[in-house]
Amino acid sequence: MRIASRIMLGITAAAVAAVLTPAAAGASTASQAGWGPYFSADHKAAARGHVSVDRQRYRHWYWKTDFVRDRECFKDHKGDRHCKWVVKKVGKKVWEWRYREFFTVHSTLVNHKSGRGKCAWETFKVVHENGSSSFKSFANCGRHPRHFSFSGKNAAHISVDVSRGDHSRPTGFHSGWESVHHAGV
């Protein structure tokens, strides 16, 4: 009987630890997803890679306005006490859980036809949660694959356009915007 109760106690303690540990360690979650391969329109440039996302939660503190009923009392000139109910506006500091997502995009860009002025290009478009956009471009003018990466935070959507071009910019054969990462809401 004692052994059975010790086993049950051990199982119960392990179950409680299993339930409490993810909540305590749940401040950060990481995920990784692959994308591609995506090709330029003439299939002479190719890009593939993966995106790693680290989602961290934090407490956001702010002031909340509440209205409370309070009883105010005063004495008149005769010394009699009078009370009335008044509504007062009070500030209260409260918090809520919010999340930040830090991402890193890794890519491998392949140039299938290298030569004078023949480069493979990949242009990443990052749409942030506030609606603004930013762009990152990388080129490979050699015959061997090149690896690139960049980081940022709070991206709602990341897409890539693979194209051909010269040493200074992409000039043609665009693949169109292909999805790399879409944040879950």
N, C-alpha and C. Protein backbone atom coordinates (compact mmCIF):
# COMPACT_ATOMS: atom_id res chain seq x y z
N MET A 1 0.82 -1.19 0.00
CA MET A 1 0.00 0.00 0.00
C MET A 1 0.87 1.26 0.00
N ARG A 2 1.96 1.22 0.75
CA ARG A 2 2.83 2.39 0.80
C ARG A 2 3.50 2.63 -0.54
N ILE A 3 3.89 1.57 -1.21
CA ILE A 3 4.56 1.71 -2.50
C ILE A 3 3.60 2.31 -3.52
N ALA A 4 2.36 1.83 -3.51
CA ALA A 4 1.37 2.35 -4.45
C ALA A 4 1.11 3.84 -4.21
N SER A 5 1.03 4.26 -2.94
CA SER A 5 0.80 5.67 -2.66
C SER A 5 2.00 6.52 -3.05
N ARG A 6 3.22 5.98 -2.88
CA ARG A 6 4.43 6.72 -3.29
C ARG A 6 4.48 6.85 -4.82
N ILE A 7 4.08 5.79 -5.51
CA ILE A 7 4.06 5.86 -6.96
C ILE A 7 3.04 6.90 -7.41
N MET A 8 1.85 6.87 -6.81
CA MET A 8 0.82 7.85 -7.16
C MET A 8 1.27 9.26 -6.85
N LEU A 9 1.96 9.44 -5.72
CA LEU A 9 2.47 10.75 -5.35
C LEU A 9 3.53 11.21 -6.36
N GLY A 10 4.38 10.28 -6.79
CA GLY A 10 5.39 10.61 -7.80
C GLY A 10 4.77 10.97 -9.13
N ILE A 11 3.73 10.23 -9.53
CA ILE A 11 3.04 10.52 -10.79
C ILE A 11 2.33 11.87 -10.69
N THR A 12 1.71 12.14 -9.56
CA THR A 12 1.02 13.42 -9.38
C THR A 12 2.01 14.58 -9.41
N ALA A 13 3.16 14.43 -8.76
CA ALA A 13 4.18 15.49 -8.77
C ALA A 13 4.70 15.70 -10.18
N ALA A 14 4.90 14.62 -10.93
CA ALA A 14 5.38 14.75 -12.30
C ALA A 14 4.32 15.42 -13.17
N ALA A 15 3.05 15.11 -12.95
CA ALA A 15 1.98 15.74 -13.73
C ALA A 15 1.90 17.23 -13.43
N VAL A 16 2.03 17.60 -12.16
CA VAL A 16 2.00 19.02 -11.79
C VAL A 16 3.19 19.75 -12.39
N ALA A 17 4.37 19.13 -12.35
CA ALA A 17 5.56 19.75 -12.94
C ALA A 17 5.41 19.90 -14.44
N ALA A 18 4.80 18.91 -15.10
CA ALA A 18 4.60 18.99 -16.54
C ALA A 18 3.61 20.09 -16.90
N VAL A 19 2.63 20.32 -16.06
CA VAL A 19 1.66 21.37 -16.33
C VAL A 19 2.25 22.74 -16.05
N LEU A 20 3.03 22.88 -15.00
CA LEU A 20 3.56 24.19 -14.62
C LEU A 20 4.77 24.59 -15.45
N THR A 21 5.59 23.68 -15.89
CA THR A 21 6.81 24.01 -16.59
C THR A 21 6.55 24.73 -17.91
N PRO A 22 5.63 24.28 -18.79
CA PRO A 22 5.40 25.04 -20.01
C PRO A 22 4.89 26.45 -19.76
N ALA A 23 4.11 26.65 -18.71
CA ALA A 23 3.60 27.99 -18.43
C ALA A 23 4.73 28.92 -18.02
N ALA A 24 5.66 28.38 -17.24
CA ALA A 24 6.79 29.21 -16.81
C ALA A 24 7.77 29.43 -17.95
N ALA A 25 8.00 28.40 -18.74
CA ALA A 25 8.95 28.53 -19.83
C ALA A 25 8.27 29.01 -21.11
N GLY A 26 6.99 29.27 -21.08
CA GLY A 26 6.24 29.68 -22.27
C GLY A 26 6.48 31.11 -22.67
N ALA A 27 7.45 31.77 -22.09
CA ALA A 27 7.71 33.15 -22.44
C ALA A 27 8.26 33.29 -23.85
N SER A 28 8.82 32.21 -24.41
CA SER A 28 9.39 32.28 -25.73
C SER A 28 9.12 30.97 -26.46
N THR A 29 8.64 31.06 -27.68
CA THR A 29 8.45 29.89 -28.52
C THR A 29 9.13 30.13 -29.85
N ALA A 30 9.77 29.10 -30.39
CA ALA A 30 10.50 29.23 -31.65
C ALA A 30 9.92 28.27 -32.67
N SER A 31 9.93 28.69 -33.93
CA SER A 31 9.48 27.82 -35.01
C SER A 31 10.38 28.06 -36.22
N GLN A 32 10.37 27.07 -37.11
CA GLN A 32 11.21 27.17 -38.30
C GLN A 32 10.44 26.54 -39.46
N ALA A 33 10.47 27.19 -40.61
CA ALA A 33 9.75 26.69 -41.78
C ALA A 33 10.59 26.94 -43.03
N GLY A 34 10.57 25.97 -43.93
CA GLY A 34 11.30 26.11 -45.18
C GLY A 34 10.45 26.76 -46.25
N TRP A 35 11.10 27.35 -47.25
CA TRP A 35 10.40 27.96 -48.38
C TRP A 35 11.19 27.67 -49.66
N GLY A 36 10.49 27.70 -50.77
CA GLY A 36 11.12 27.54 -52.07
C GLY A 36 11.24 26.09 -52.49
N PRO A 37 11.89 25.80 -53.57
CA PRO A 37 12.64 26.73 -54.41
C PRO A 37 11.71 27.55 -55.30
N TYR A 38 12.08 28.82 -55.48
CA TYR A 38 11.39 29.71 -56.39
C TYR A 38 12.37 30.08 -57.50
N PHE A 39 11.88 30.15 -58.75
CA PHE A 39 12.73 30.37 -59.90
C PHE A 39 12.36 31.68 -60.59
N SER A 40 13.36 32.26 -61.29
CA SER A 40 13.06 33.41 -62.13
C SER A 40 12.24 32.92 -63.32
N ALA A 41 11.68 33.83 -64.09
CA ALA A 41 10.81 33.45 -65.21
C ALA A 41 11.55 32.63 -66.26
N ASP A 42 12.85 32.83 -66.43
CA ASP A 42 13.61 32.06 -67.40
C ASP A 42 14.32 30.85 -66.77
N HIS A 43 14.07 30.58 -65.51
CA HIS A 43 14.63 29.44 -64.75
C HIS A 43 16.16 29.45 -64.69
N LYS A 44 16.79 30.60 -64.81
CA LYS A 44 18.24 30.69 -64.70
C LYS A 44 18.69 31.19 -63.33
N ALA A 45 17.73 31.51 -62.46
CA ALA A 45 18.02 31.91 -61.09
C ALA A 45 17.05 31.17 -60.18
N ALA A 46 17.56 30.70 -59.04
CA ALA A 46 16.72 29.95 -58.10
C ALA A 46 17.08 30.37 -56.68
N ALA A 47 16.07 30.39 -55.82
CA ALA A 47 16.28 30.74 -54.42
C ALA A 47 15.45 29.80 -53.55
N ARG A 48 16.03 29.40 -52.43
CA ARG A 48 15.34 28.58 -51.44
C ARG A 48 15.95 28.89 -50.08
N GLY A 49 15.27 28.48 -49.02
CA GLY A 49 15.81 28.73 -47.69
C GLY A 49 14.82 28.37 -46.61
N HIS A 50 15.00 28.99 -45.45
CA HIS A 50 14.09 28.77 -44.33
C HIS A 50 14.00 30.04 -43.48
N VAL A 51 12.90 30.12 -42.74
CA VAL A 51 12.64 31.25 -41.85
C VAL A 51 12.52 30.71 -40.44
N SER A 52 13.24 31.31 -39.51
CA SER A 52 13.09 30.95 -38.11
C SER A 52 12.47 32.13 -37.38
N VAL A 53 11.46 31.83 -36.55
CA VAL A 53 10.70 32.87 -35.85
C VAL A 53 10.74 32.56 -34.36
N ASP A 54 11.10 33.55 -33.57
CA ASP A 54 11.10 33.43 -32.11
C ASP A 54 10.05 34.38 -31.57
N ARG A 55 9.00 33.82 -30.98
CA ARG A 55 7.89 34.63 -30.45
C ARG A 55 8.07 34.76 -28.95
N GLN A 56 8.18 36.00 -28.48
CA GLN A 56 8.38 36.28 -27.07
C GLN A 56 7.22 37.10 -26.53
N ARG A 57 6.75 36.70 -25.37
CA ARG A 57 5.66 37.47 -24.76
C ARG A 57 6.25 38.39 -23.70
N TYR A 58 5.57 39.50 -23.48
CA TYR A 58 6.01 40.46 -22.49
C TYR A 58 4.79 41.16 -21.90
N ARG A 59 4.99 41.76 -20.74
CA ARG A 59 3.91 42.51 -20.09
C ARG A 59 3.92 43.94 -20.61
N HIS A 60 2.78 44.38 -21.04
CA HIS A 60 2.62 45.76 -21.48
C HIS A 60 1.82 46.50 -20.42
N TRP A 61 2.46 47.48 -19.79
CA TRP A 61 1.81 48.26 -18.72
C TRP A 61 1.19 49.51 -19.31
N TYR A 62 0.01 49.85 -18.83
CA TYR A 62 -0.65 51.08 -19.27
C TYR A 62 -1.61 51.56 -18.17
N TRP A 63 -2.04 52.81 -18.32
CA TRP A 63 -2.96 53.40 -17.35
C TRP A 63 -4.38 53.24 -17.86
N LYS A 64 -5.24 52.76 -17.00
CA LYS A 64 -6.65 52.57 -17.33
C LYS A 64 -7.44 53.54 -16.46
N THR A 65 -8.42 54.21 -17.06
CA THR A 65 -9.25 55.15 -16.31
C THR A 65 -10.50 54.44 -15.85
N ASP A 66 -10.74 54.51 -14.56
CA ASP A 66 -11.95 53.93 -13.97
C ASP A 66 -12.75 55.03 -13.30
N PHE A 67 -14.05 54.83 -13.22
CA PHE A 67 -14.93 55.73 -12.49
C PHE A 67 -15.45 54.98 -11.29
N VAL A 68 -15.27 55.57 -10.11
CA VAL A 68 -15.72 54.93 -8.88
C VAL A 68 -16.67 55.87 -8.15
N ARG A 69 -17.60 55.25 -7.45
CA ARG A 69 -18.51 56.04 -6.61
C ARG A 69 -17.90 56.13 -5.23
N ASP A 70 -17.87 57.32 -4.71
CA ASP A 70 -17.29 57.55 -3.40
C ASP A 70 -18.24 58.44 -2.60
N ARG A 71 -18.21 58.27 -1.33
CA ARG A 71 -19.07 59.06 -0.44
C ARG A 71 -18.24 60.19 0.15
N GLU A 72 -18.67 61.41 -0.09
CA GLU A 72 -18.00 62.58 0.46
C GLU A 72 -18.88 63.21 1.53
N CYS A 73 -18.24 63.51 2.63
CA CYS A 73 -18.96 64.13 3.74
C CYS A 73 -18.34 65.48 4.06
N PHE A 74 -19.18 66.38 4.52
CA PHE A 74 -18.70 67.70 4.92
C PHE A 74 -19.61 68.22 6.02
N LYS A 75 -19.09 69.22 6.71
CA LYS A 75 -19.87 69.86 7.78
C LYS A 75 -20.28 71.25 7.32
N ASP A 76 -21.53 71.59 7.60
CA ASP A 76 -21.98 72.92 7.23
C ASP A 76 -21.56 73.91 8.33
N HIS A 77 -22.00 75.15 8.19
CA HIS A 77 -21.58 76.20 9.13
C HIS A 77 -22.15 75.98 10.53
N LYS A 78 -23.18 75.14 10.66
CA LYS A 78 -23.73 74.86 11.98
C LYS A 78 -23.04 73.67 12.65
N GLY A 79 -22.19 72.96 11.88
CA GLY A 79 -21.52 71.79 12.44
C GLY A 79 -22.23 70.49 12.14
N ASP A 80 -23.32 70.55 11.37
CA ASP A 80 -24.03 69.32 10.98
C ASP A 80 -23.27 68.63 9.84
N ARG A 81 -23.25 67.31 9.89
CA ARG A 81 -22.54 66.52 8.89
C ARG A 81 -23.51 66.12 7.77
N HIS A 82 -23.08 66.37 6.51
CA HIS A 82 -23.86 66.01 5.34
C HIS A 82 -22.99 65.14 4.43
N CYS A 83 -23.56 64.08 3.85
CA CYS A 83 -22.83 63.18 2.96
C CYS A 83 -23.60 63.04 1.65
N LYS A 84 -22.84 62.86 0.57
CA LYS A 84 -23.45 62.62 -0.73
C LYS A 84 -22.52 61.72 -1.54
N TRP A 85 -23.12 61.03 -2.49
CA TRP A 85 -22.35 60.16 -3.36
C TRP A 85 -21.86 60.97 -4.56
N VAL A 86 -20.56 60.82 -4.90
CA VAL A 86 -19.98 61.48 -6.06
C VAL A 86 -19.23 60.43 -6.90
N VAL A 87 -19.16 60.71 -8.16
CA VAL A 87 -18.40 59.84 -9.07
C VAL A 87 -17.05 60.49 -9.32
N LYS A 88 -15.99 59.71 -9.04
CA LYS A 88 -14.63 60.22 -9.24
C LYS A 88 -13.93 59.42 -10.33
N LYS A 89 -13.05 60.10 -11.04
CA LYS A 89 -12.24 59.46 -12.07
C LYS A 89 -10.88 59.14 -11.46
N VAL A 90 -10.48 57.86 -11.50
CA VAL A 90 -9.20 57.45 -10.94
C VAL A 90 -8.41 56.71 -12.01
N GLY A 91 -7.10 56.83 -11.94
CA GLY A 91 -6.20 56.11 -12.84
C GLY A 91 -5.69 54.85 -12.16
N LYS A 92 -5.64 53.79 -12.93
CA LYS A 92 -5.21 52.51 -12.38
C LYS A 92 -4.18 51.92 -13.34
N LYS A 93 -3.03 51.48 -12.82
CA LYS A 93 -2.00 50.90 -13.66
C LYS A 93 -2.28 49.41 -13.80
N VAL A 94 -2.49 48.95 -15.05
CA VAL A 94 -2.80 47.55 -15.33
C VAL A 94 -1.85 47.06 -16.42
N TRP A 95 -1.80 45.75 -16.64
CA TRP A 95 -0.95 45.18 -17.67
C TRP A 95 -1.71 44.09 -18.42
N GLU A 96 -1.18 43.79 -19.61
CA GLU A 96 -1.71 42.70 -20.42
C GLU A 96 -0.54 42.04 -21.14
N TRP A 97 -0.73 40.79 -21.53
CA TRP A 97 0.32 40.08 -22.26
C TRP A 97 0.28 40.51 -23.72
N ARG A 98 1.45 40.84 -24.28
CA ARG A 98 1.60 41.14 -25.69
C ARG A 98 2.75 40.30 -26.23
N TYR A 99 2.86 40.24 -27.54
CA TYR A 99 3.87 39.38 -28.17
C TYR A 99 4.71 40.17 -29.17
N ARG A 100 5.99 39.80 -29.24
CA ARG A 100 6.93 40.30 -30.24
C ARG A 100 7.47 39.09 -30.99
N GLU A 101 7.59 39.21 -32.29
CA GLU A 101 8.16 38.12 -33.08
C GLU A 101 9.45 38.60 -33.75
N PHE A 102 10.54 37.90 -33.46
CA PHE A 102 11.83 38.16 -34.07
C PHE A 102 12.06 37.10 -35.14
N PHE A 103 12.34 37.51 -36.38
CA PHE A 103 12.51 36.55 -37.46
C PHE A 103 13.91 36.65 -38.05
N THR A 104 14.37 35.54 -38.63
CA THR A 104 15.60 35.50 -39.40
C THR A 104 15.32 34.70 -40.66
N VAL A 105 15.59 35.30 -41.80
CA VAL A 105 15.40 34.64 -43.09
C VAL A 105 16.77 34.22 -43.61
N HIS A 106 16.90 32.93 -43.91
CA HIS A 106 18.11 32.38 -44.50
C HIS A 106 17.78 31.96 -45.92
N SER A 107 18.68 32.26 -46.88
CA SER A 107 18.40 31.89 -48.26
C SER A 107 19.68 31.43 -48.95
N THR A 108 19.48 30.63 -49.98
CA THR A 108 20.55 30.19 -50.86
C THR A 108 20.15 30.61 -52.27
N LEU A 109 20.97 31.44 -52.90
CA LEU A 109 20.68 31.97 -54.23
C LEU A 109 21.62 31.31 -55.23
N VAL A 110 21.05 30.71 -56.27
CA VAL A 110 21.82 29.98 -57.28
C VAL A 110 21.70 30.72 -58.61
N ASN A 111 22.84 30.91 -59.27
CA ASN A 111 22.90 31.54 -60.59
C ASN A 111 23.27 30.45 -61.58
N HIS A 112 22.32 30.02 -62.43
CA HIS A 112 22.58 28.92 -63.36
C HIS A 112 23.32 29.38 -64.61
N LYS A 113 23.30 30.64 -64.94
CA LYS A 113 24.01 31.17 -66.11
C LYS A 113 24.82 32.37 -65.68
N SER A 114 26.06 32.14 -65.28
CA SER A 114 26.91 33.26 -64.88
C SER A 114 27.72 33.71 -66.09
N GLY A 115 28.21 34.90 -66.01
CA GLY A 115 29.00 35.47 -67.09
C GLY A 115 29.02 36.98 -66.93
N ARG A 116 29.45 37.66 -67.98
CA ARG A 116 29.54 39.11 -67.90
C ARG A 116 28.17 39.74 -67.73
N GLY A 117 27.93 40.33 -66.58
CA GLY A 117 26.70 41.07 -66.35
C GLY A 117 25.48 40.20 -66.17
N LYS A 118 25.66 38.91 -65.89
CA LYS A 118 24.52 38.02 -65.70
C LYS A 118 24.49 37.59 -64.24
N CYS A 119 23.55 38.14 -63.51
CA CYS A 119 23.46 37.88 -62.07
C CYS A 119 22.06 37.38 -61.71
N ALA A 120 22.00 36.62 -60.65
CA ALA A 120 20.73 36.21 -60.07
C ALA A 120 20.43 37.16 -58.92
N TRP A 121 19.18 37.58 -58.80
CA TRP A 121 18.77 38.51 -57.75
C TRP A 121 17.59 37.95 -56.99
N GLU A 122 17.56 38.23 -55.70
CA GLU A 122 16.38 37.96 -54.89
C GLU A 122 16.08 39.22 -54.08
N THR A 123 14.83 39.62 -54.11
CA THR A 123 14.38 40.81 -53.39
C THR A 123 13.30 40.38 -52.41
N PHE A 124 13.52 40.64 -51.13
CA PHE A 124 12.57 40.29 -50.09
C PHE A 124 11.74 41.52 -49.73
N LYS A 125 10.45 41.31 -49.62
CA LYS A 125 9.53 42.37 -49.20
C LYS A 125 8.98 41.98 -47.84
N VAL A 126 9.23 42.82 -46.82
CA VAL A 126 8.76 42.56 -45.46
C VAL A 126 7.67 43.57 -45.14
N VAL A 127 6.45 43.07 -44.94
CA VAL A 127 5.33 43.92 -44.54
C VAL A 127 5.19 43.79 -43.03
N HIS A 128 5.36 44.91 -42.33
CA HIS A 128 5.33 44.90 -40.86
C HIS A 128 3.90 44.96 -40.36
N GLU A 129 3.72 44.70 -39.06
CA GLU A 129 2.38 44.69 -38.46
C GLU A 129 1.71 46.05 -38.52
N ASN A 130 2.48 47.12 -38.55
CA ASN A 130 1.89 48.46 -38.61
C ASN A 130 1.55 48.89 -40.04
N GLY A 131 1.79 48.03 -41.04
CA GLY A 131 1.44 48.32 -42.41
C GLY A 131 2.58 48.83 -43.27
N SER A 132 3.70 49.20 -42.68
CA SER A 132 4.83 49.69 -43.47
C SER A 132 5.56 48.51 -44.12
N SER A 133 6.32 48.81 -45.17
CA SER A 133 7.06 47.78 -45.90
C SER A 133 8.52 48.15 -45.97
N SER A 134 9.37 47.12 -46.03
CA SER A 134 10.79 47.33 -46.26
C SER A 134 11.27 46.25 -47.22
N PHE A 135 12.39 46.52 -47.89
CA PHE A 135 12.90 45.62 -48.92
C PHE A 135 14.36 45.30 -48.65
N LYS A 136 14.77 44.08 -48.96
CA LYS A 136 16.17 43.63 -48.89
C LYS A 136 16.47 42.92 -50.19
N SER A 137 17.59 43.26 -50.83
CA SER A 137 17.97 42.63 -52.09
C SER A 137 19.36 42.03 -51.98
N PHE A 138 19.54 40.88 -52.63
CA PHE A 138 20.83 40.19 -52.65
C PHE A 138 21.09 39.71 -54.07
N ALA A 139 22.37 39.69 -54.47
CA ALA A 139 22.74 39.27 -55.81
C ALA A 139 23.82 38.21 -55.76
N ASN A 140 23.80 37.32 -56.76
CA ASN A 140 24.84 36.32 -56.94
C ASN A 140 25.26 36.38 -58.41
N CYS A 141 26.47 36.85 -58.63
CA CYS A 141 26.97 36.97 -59.99
C CYS A 141 27.96 35.85 -60.33
N GLY A 142 28.25 35.01 -59.38
CA GLY A 142 29.19 33.91 -59.60
C GLY A 142 28.49 32.63 -59.98
N ARG A 143 29.28 31.57 -60.18
CA ARG A 143 28.70 30.30 -60.60
C ARG A 143 28.36 29.39 -59.42
N HIS A 144 28.82 29.71 -58.21
CA HIS A 144 28.54 28.90 -57.04
C HIS A 144 27.39 29.51 -56.23
N PRO A 145 26.60 28.67 -55.56
CA PRO A 145 25.50 29.21 -54.73
C PRO A 145 26.04 30.10 -53.61
N ARG A 146 25.29 31.14 -53.29
CA ARG A 146 25.66 32.04 -52.19
C ARG A 146 24.56 32.02 -51.15
N HIS A 147 24.97 32.16 -49.89
CA HIS A 147 24.04 32.11 -48.77
C HIS A 147 23.91 33.52 -48.18
N PHE A 148 22.67 33.91 -47.90
CA PHE A 148 22.37 35.22 -47.34
C PHE A 148 21.42 35.05 -46.17
N SER A 149 21.42 36.03 -45.28
CA SER A 149 20.43 36.05 -44.20
C SER A 149 20.24 37.48 -43.72
N PHE A 150 19.05 37.74 -43.18
CA PHE A 150 18.75 39.03 -42.56
C PHE A 150 17.71 38.79 -41.48
N SER A 151 17.62 39.76 -40.56
CA SER A 151 16.73 39.62 -39.39
C SER A 151 15.88 40.86 -39.23
N GLY A 152 14.84 40.71 -38.42
CA GLY A 152 13.96 41.82 -38.12
C GLY A 152 12.96 41.40 -37.06
N LYS A 153 11.95 42.24 -36.83
CA LYS A 153 10.93 41.89 -35.85
C LYS A 153 9.56 42.35 -36.31
N ASN A 154 8.54 41.65 -35.81
CA ASN A 154 7.13 41.98 -36.01
C ASN A 154 6.74 42.08 -37.49
N ALA A 155 7.03 41.01 -38.25
CA ALA A 155 6.64 40.97 -39.66
C ALA A 155 5.30 40.26 -39.79
N ALA A 156 4.39 40.88 -40.51
CA ALA A 156 3.10 40.24 -40.79
C ALA A 156 3.21 39.31 -41.98
N HIS A 157 4.03 39.69 -42.97
CA HIS A 157 4.17 38.87 -44.17
C HIS A 157 5.54 39.13 -44.80
N ILE A 158 6.19 38.06 -45.27
CA ILE A 158 7.47 38.17 -45.97
C ILE A 158 7.32 37.44 -47.30
N SER A 159 7.72 38.08 -48.38
CA SER A 159 7.67 37.44 -49.69
C SER A 159 8.95 37.74 -50.45
N VAL A 160 9.21 36.96 -51.51
CA VAL A 160 10.45 37.09 -52.27
C VAL A 160 10.14 37.14 -53.76
N ASP A 161 10.96 37.90 -54.50
CA ASP A 161 10.89 37.97 -55.95
C ASP A 161 12.26 37.58 -56.49
N VAL A 162 12.32 36.50 -57.26
CA VAL A 162 13.58 36.02 -57.84
C VAL A 162 13.63 36.51 -59.28
N SER A 163 14.77 37.08 -59.67
CA SER A 163 14.87 37.64 -61.02
C SER A 163 16.31 37.58 -61.52
N ARG A 164 16.51 38.03 -62.75
CA ARG A 164 17.83 38.16 -63.36
C ARG A 164 18.17 39.64 -63.45
N GLY A 165 19.47 39.93 -63.56
CA GLY A 165 19.87 41.31 -63.68
C GLY A 165 21.35 41.45 -63.93
N ASP A 166 21.85 42.69 -63.80
CA ASP A 166 23.28 42.93 -63.93
C ASP A 166 23.88 43.15 -62.55
N HIS A 167 25.08 43.69 -62.48
CA HIS A 167 25.76 43.86 -61.19
C HIS A 167 25.09 44.89 -60.29
N SER A 168 24.31 45.81 -60.85
CA SER A 168 23.77 46.91 -60.05
C SER A 168 22.32 46.73 -59.61
N ARG A 169 21.51 46.01 -60.41
CA ARG A 169 20.08 45.90 -60.07
C ARG A 169 19.43 44.76 -60.86
N PRO A 170 18.26 44.30 -60.40
CA PRO A 170 17.51 43.32 -61.19
C PRO A 170 16.88 44.00 -62.41
N THR A 171 16.91 43.33 -63.55
CA THR A 171 16.42 43.97 -64.77
C THR A 171 15.25 43.24 -65.42
N GLY A 172 15.07 41.96 -65.18
CA GLY A 172 13.96 41.29 -65.85
C GLY A 172 13.79 39.86 -65.39
N PHE A 173 12.86 39.17 -66.02
CA PHE A 173 12.52 37.78 -65.74
C PHE A 173 12.13 37.59 -64.28
N HIS A 174 11.25 38.46 -63.78
CA HIS A 174 10.80 38.39 -62.39
C HIS A 174 9.85 37.21 -62.18
N SER A 175 9.96 36.59 -61.03
CA SER A 175 9.08 35.46 -60.71
C SER A 175 7.75 35.93 -60.16
N GLY A 176 7.68 37.13 -59.68
CA GLY A 176 6.50 37.60 -58.96
C GLY A 176 6.70 37.34 -57.48
N TRP A 177 5.88 37.93 -56.66
CA TRP A 177 6.06 37.80 -55.21
C TRP A 177 5.58 36.43 -54.76
N GLU A 178 6.49 35.66 -54.19
CA GLU A 178 6.20 34.33 -53.66
C GLU A 178 6.28 34.39 -52.13
N SER A 179 5.38 33.70 -51.46
CA SER A 179 5.30 33.78 -50.00
C SER A 179 6.44 33.03 -49.34
N VAL A 180 7.05 33.66 -48.34
CA VAL A 180 8.10 33.04 -47.53
C VAL A 180 7.60 32.79 -46.12
N HIS A 181 6.88 33.77 -45.53
CA HIS A 181 6.40 33.66 -44.15
C HIS A 181 5.13 34.50 -44.02
N HIS A 182 4.16 33.94 -43.32
CA HIS A 182 2.94 34.68 -43.00
C HIS A 182 2.67 34.48 -41.52
N ALA A 183 2.62 35.55 -40.76
CA ALA A 183 2.42 35.46 -39.31
C ALA A 183 1.00 35.04 -39.02
N GLY A 184 0.84 34.12 -38.08
CA GLY A 184 -0.50 33.71 -37.65
C GLY A 184 -1.07 34.74 -36.71
N VAL A 185 -2.31 35.11 -36.95
CA VAL A 185 -2.96 36.10 -36.08
C VAL A 185 -4.00 35.45 -35.23
